[in-house]
Amino acid sequence: MNNVGFNMLSRTIWRVTRAVTLVLIASAIGTAQPTDPRQPLIVPIAALTKDFEVIQGNPDAVGEPFVMRIRELPGTIIPPHKHPVDEHITVVQGTIFFGIGDKFDRSVAKEIKTGGYAFIPKGTTMFGFIPDGAIVQVHGVGPFHIHWRAGSRWLDKDKSLDDPDAASLFKFKKGDLIISTRGKGRVRNGYFSGEVLQYEIEGDNGKLYMANEEDLRRR
């Protein structure tokens, strides 16, 4: 099973989350238990305690339909990326801002509120941001891989604080105590897509959010 970068999409989409969240995000989607697509399935909306949840099918299987939900933390930036398959996005909780283009540009991103839907054809470069957190439901036909834009190159894997060369890319490390625009907290991880660098922060109140490096200082 390859690493599809969900820790940026929901760690998003960036944490993936991985999102990306993602938002998003780099957890392997193969850890989820695929369900039989021939059986009826009803899954109510509920708070996610992890970056993403596969609801039905297997996103990594060629030609197999899938449905998954991605937790996008507050402050998430979804870096420019693309997929080799069509993507259907429904916002099931919160609000996201989503744009099409090779460069991250807040001014062209469109607001998508709860219940809103977006269709992104395969090979289309997209990006987004989530100011206050959201849950998005993604469905399509696998394999659902992520390719991150890095200038003129495309990367199949993002960088994180878990990588051996993390110190050459990141100013902060895991466990560092910081102060951000959202208050005091500590660094849980960091992610670099090739163009966008963010940290996952756990606030002193226990809440998780994403922050840019320039918005953090040590305490």
Protein backbone atom coordinates (compact mmCIF):
# COMPACT_ATOMS: atom_id res chain seq x y z
CA MET A 1 0.00 0.00 0.00
CA ASN A 2 1.49 3.32 -1.01
CA ASN A 3 1.36 6.52 1.02
CA VAL A 4 -1.26 8.83 -0.47
CA GLY A 5 -0.69 11.89 1.65
CA PHE A 6 -3.95 12.07 3.57
CA ASN A 7 -2.19 13.68 6.45
CA MET A 8 -2.13 16.79 4.30
CA LEU A 9 -5.61 16.91 3.18
CA SER A 10 -7.22 16.39 6.60
CA ARG A 11 -4.00 16.77 8.01
CA THR A 12 -6.12 17.18 5.60
CA ILE A 13 -7.12 16.62 1.59
CA TRP A 14 -3.71 18.31 4.12
CA ARG A 15 -3.28 16.22 7.20
CA VAL A 16 -5.58 14.31 4.98
CA THR A 17 -6.78 16.50 5.14
CA ARG A 18 -3.16 14.57 5.04
CA ALA A 19 -7.46 16.38 5.16
CA VAL A 20 -6.63 17.56 4.65
CA THR A 21 -7.23 17.90 5.99
CA LEU A 22 -6.57 18.06 4.92
CA VAL A 23 -6.90 18.16 5.58
CA LEU A 24 -4.86 15.77 4.47
CA ILE A 25 -3.48 13.53 4.86
CA ALA A 26 0.57 10.40 5.67
CA SER A 27 -1.82 7.69 6.84
CA ALA A 28 -2.39 4.74 4.54
CA ILE A 29 -5.98 4.31 3.48
CA GLY A 30 -5.44 0.58 3.32
CA THR A 31 -5.82 0.49 7.12
CA ALA A 32 -9.56 1.02 6.75
CA GLN A 33 -11.82 -2.01 6.46
CA PRO A 34 -13.52 -2.03 3.04
CA THR A 35 -17.23 -2.84 3.07
CA ASP A 36 -19.08 -5.04 0.58
CA PRO A 37 -20.50 -2.56 -2.01
CA ARG A 38 -23.39 -4.97 -2.65
CA GLN A 39 -24.74 -4.66 0.90
CA PRO A 40 -27.02 -1.82 2.10
CA LEU A 41 -25.24 0.73 4.27
CA ILE A 42 -26.46 3.70 6.31
CA VAL A 43 -23.85 5.89 8.02
CA PRO A 44 -25.11 8.94 9.97
CA ILE A 45 -22.93 12.02 10.21
CA ALA A 46 -20.83 12.07 13.37
CA ALA A 47 -17.76 13.83 14.70
CA LEU A 48 -14.50 12.31 13.43
CA THR A 49 -11.83 11.45 15.98
CA LYS A 50 -9.23 10.73 13.28
CA ASP A 51 -8.16 12.37 10.06
CA PHE A 52 -10.42 10.37 7.79
CA GLU A 53 -12.79 7.42 7.70
CA VAL A 54 -13.51 5.13 4.77
CA ILE A 55 -17.28 4.68 4.69
CA GLN A 56 -17.58 2.25 1.80
CA GLY A 57 -15.28 0.52 -0.67
CA ASN A 58 -11.50 0.84 -0.95
CA PRO A 59 -10.06 4.12 -2.33
CA ASP A 60 -6.81 2.38 -3.29
CA ALA A 61 -8.44 -0.36 -5.40
CA VAL A 62 -8.44 0.14 -9.16
CA GLY A 63 -11.95 0.49 -10.55
CA GLU A 64 -13.70 0.20 -7.18
CA PRO A 65 -16.19 2.86 -6.00
CA PHE A 66 -15.46 4.38 -2.61
CA VAL A 67 -16.86 6.88 -0.13
CA MET A 68 -14.85 8.49 2.67
CA ARG A 69 -15.09 11.37 5.10
CA ILE A 70 -12.18 13.68 5.86
CA ARG A 71 -11.74 15.87 8.91
CA GLU A 72 -10.35 19.30 8.03
CA LEU A 73 -8.89 21.09 11.05
CA PRO A 74 -9.37 24.83 11.61
CA GLY A 75 -6.69 26.80 9.78
CA THR A 76 -6.05 24.08 7.19
CA ILE A 77 -4.57 25.07 3.85
CA ILE A 78 -5.04 22.50 1.09
CA PRO A 79 -1.98 22.89 -1.16
CA PRO A 80 -2.24 22.69 -4.95
CA HIS A 81 -2.65 19.04 -5.92
CA LYS A 82 -4.38 16.73 -8.37
CA HIS A 83 -5.78 13.19 -8.58
CA PRO A 84 -5.63 10.56 -11.35
CA VAL A 85 -9.41 10.03 -11.02
CA ASP A 86 -12.51 12.23 -10.86
CA GLU A 87 -13.31 13.57 -7.39
CA HIS A 88 -16.76 14.32 -5.97
CA ILE A 89 -16.76 16.49 -2.83
CA THR A 90 -19.72 17.18 -0.53
CA VAL A 91 -19.37 19.37 2.55
CA VAL A 92 -21.28 17.60 5.32
CA GLN A 93 -20.25 19.90 8.18
CA GLY A 94 -18.76 23.40 8.26
CA THR A 95 -17.53 25.54 5.38
CA ILE A 96 -14.59 25.19 3.02
CA PHE A 97 -13.14 27.52 0.39
CA PHE A 98 -12.13 25.74 -2.81
CA GLY A 99 -10.32 26.91 -5.94
CA ILE A 100 -9.03 25.63 -9.28
CA GLY A 101 -5.56 26.62 -10.50
CA ASP A 102 -1.86 25.92 -10.30
CA LYS A 103 -1.16 28.40 -7.48
CA PHE A 104 -2.77 28.82 -4.07
CA ASP A 105 -4.85 32.00 -4.30
CA ARG A 106 -7.44 32.85 -1.65
CA SER A 107 -9.03 35.48 -3.87
CA VAL A 108 -10.32 32.96 -6.41
CA ALA A 109 -11.48 30.28 -3.94
CA LYS A 110 -15.25 29.76 -3.78
CA GLU A 111 -17.13 29.29 -0.52
CA ILE A 112 -18.83 25.89 -0.14
CA LYS A 113 -21.12 25.62 2.88
CA THR A 114 -22.68 22.56 4.49
CA GLY A 115 -24.56 20.62 1.82
CA GLY A 116 -22.54 22.15 -1.02
CA TYR A 117 -21.02 19.96 -3.74
CA ALA A 118 -18.04 20.19 -6.09
CA PHE A 119 -16.95 17.99 -9.00
CA ILE A 120 -13.26 18.00 -9.93
CA PRO A 121 -12.27 16.15 -13.14
CA LYS A 122 -9.16 13.97 -13.00
CA GLY A 123 -5.90 15.80 -13.60
CA THR A 124 -7.31 19.17 -12.48
CA THR A 125 -5.10 21.14 -10.08
CA MET A 126 -7.04 22.32 -7.05
CA PHE A 127 -6.46 23.98 -3.66
CA GLY A 128 -8.42 25.30 -0.72
CA PHE A 129 -8.53 26.52 2.84
CA ILE A 130 -10.72 25.90 5.88
CA PRO A 131 -10.77 28.72 8.45
CA ASP A 132 -12.96 27.09 11.09
CA GLY A 133 -12.82 23.35 10.43
CA ALA A 134 -15.10 21.07 8.40
CA ILE A 135 -15.93 17.50 7.44
CA VAL A 136 -16.03 16.70 3.74
CA GLN A 137 -17.30 13.55 2.11
CA VAL A 138 -15.40 12.40 -0.98
CA HIS A 139 -16.56 9.73 -3.38
CA GLY A 140 -15.31 8.39 -6.67
CA VAL A 141 -13.73 5.36 -8.30
CA GLY A 142 -10.22 4.34 -7.24
CA PRO A 143 -7.31 4.51 -7.18
CA PHE A 144 -7.57 7.78 -5.25
CA HIS A 145 -3.95 8.99 -5.07
CA ILE A 146 -2.66 12.51 -4.47
CA HIS A 147 0.03 14.31 -6.46
CA TRP A 148 1.33 17.49 -4.79
CA ARG A 149 2.50 20.40 -6.91
CA ALA A 150 6.08 21.50 -6.15
CA GLY A 151 6.90 24.16 -8.70
CA SER A 152 7.45 22.39 -12.01
CA ARG A 153 7.46 18.96 -10.34
CA TRP A 154 4.78 16.70 -8.87
CA LEU A 155 5.38 14.78 -5.65
CA ASP A 156 3.65 11.55 -4.61
CA LYS A 157 4.49 12.11 -0.94
CA ASP A 158 4.57 15.14 1.33
CA LYS A 159 7.29 15.78 3.90
CA SER A 160 6.58 15.64 7.64
CA LEU A 161 8.34 15.96 10.98
CA ASP A 162 8.66 12.17 10.94
CA ASP A 163 11.15 12.29 8.06
CA PRO A 164 14.90 11.97 8.78
CA ASP A 165 15.66 15.30 7.07
CA ALA A 166 12.85 17.20 8.82
CA ALA A 167 15.28 19.61 10.53
CA SER A 168 16.36 20.95 7.13
CA LEU A 169 12.79 21.93 6.24
CA PHE A 170 11.01 22.75 9.50
CA LYS A 171 11.82 25.41 12.08
CA PHE A 172 9.88 23.61 14.82
CA LYS A 173 9.89 19.98 15.94
CA LYS A 174 7.39 17.68 17.64
CA GLY A 175 6.59 18.70 21.19
CA ASP A 176 7.79 22.30 20.86
CA LEU A 177 5.70 24.70 22.94
CA ILE A 178 4.45 27.58 20.84
CA ILE A 179 2.22 30.64 20.81
CA SER A 180 0.06 31.29 17.77
CA THR A 181 -2.78 33.60 16.79
CA ARG A 182 -5.10 30.96 18.30
CA GLY A 183 -3.28 30.86 21.64
CA LYS A 184 -0.77 28.58 23.36
CA GLY A 185 -0.14 25.00 22.29
CA ARG A 186 2.39 22.39 21.25
CA VAL A 187 3.50 21.02 17.89
CA ARG A 188 2.09 17.57 17.04
CA ASN A 189 3.47 17.36 13.50
CA GLY A 190 4.40 19.39 10.45
CA TYR A 191 3.69 18.91 6.74
CA PHE A 192 5.30 20.30 3.59
CA SER A 193 3.71 19.63 0.21
CA GLY A 194 6.53 21.14 -1.80
CA GLU A 195 4.86 24.55 -1.80
CA VAL A 196 2.90 24.90 1.45
CA LEU A 197 4.26 24.23 4.97
CA GLN A 198 1.96 23.92 7.98
CA TYR A 199 2.02 22.53 11.51
CA GLU A 200 -0.62 20.56 13.36
CA ILE A 201 -1.00 22.16 16.78
CA GLU A 202 -2.72 20.91 19.90
CA GLY A 203 -3.89 23.91 21.90
CA ASP A 204 -3.59 24.02 25.67
CA ASN A 205 -7.39 23.55 25.63
CA GLY A 206 -6.96 20.21 23.80
CA LYS A 207 -8.33 21.43 20.47
CA LEU A 208 -6.44 20.72 17.25
CA TYR A 209 -5.75 23.22 14.49
CA MET A 210 -3.30 23.95 11.67
CA ALA A 211 -0.93 26.94 11.55
CA ASN A 212 1.62 28.43 9.19
CA GLU A 213 5.22 28.58 10.37
CA GLU A 214 5.32 32.38 10.24
CA ASP A 215 2.36 32.52 12.66
CA LEU A 216 4.20 30.56 15.39
CA ARG A 217 6.74 31.60 17.99
CA ARG A 218 8.34 29.67 20.84
CA ARG A 219 7.32 30.08 24.46
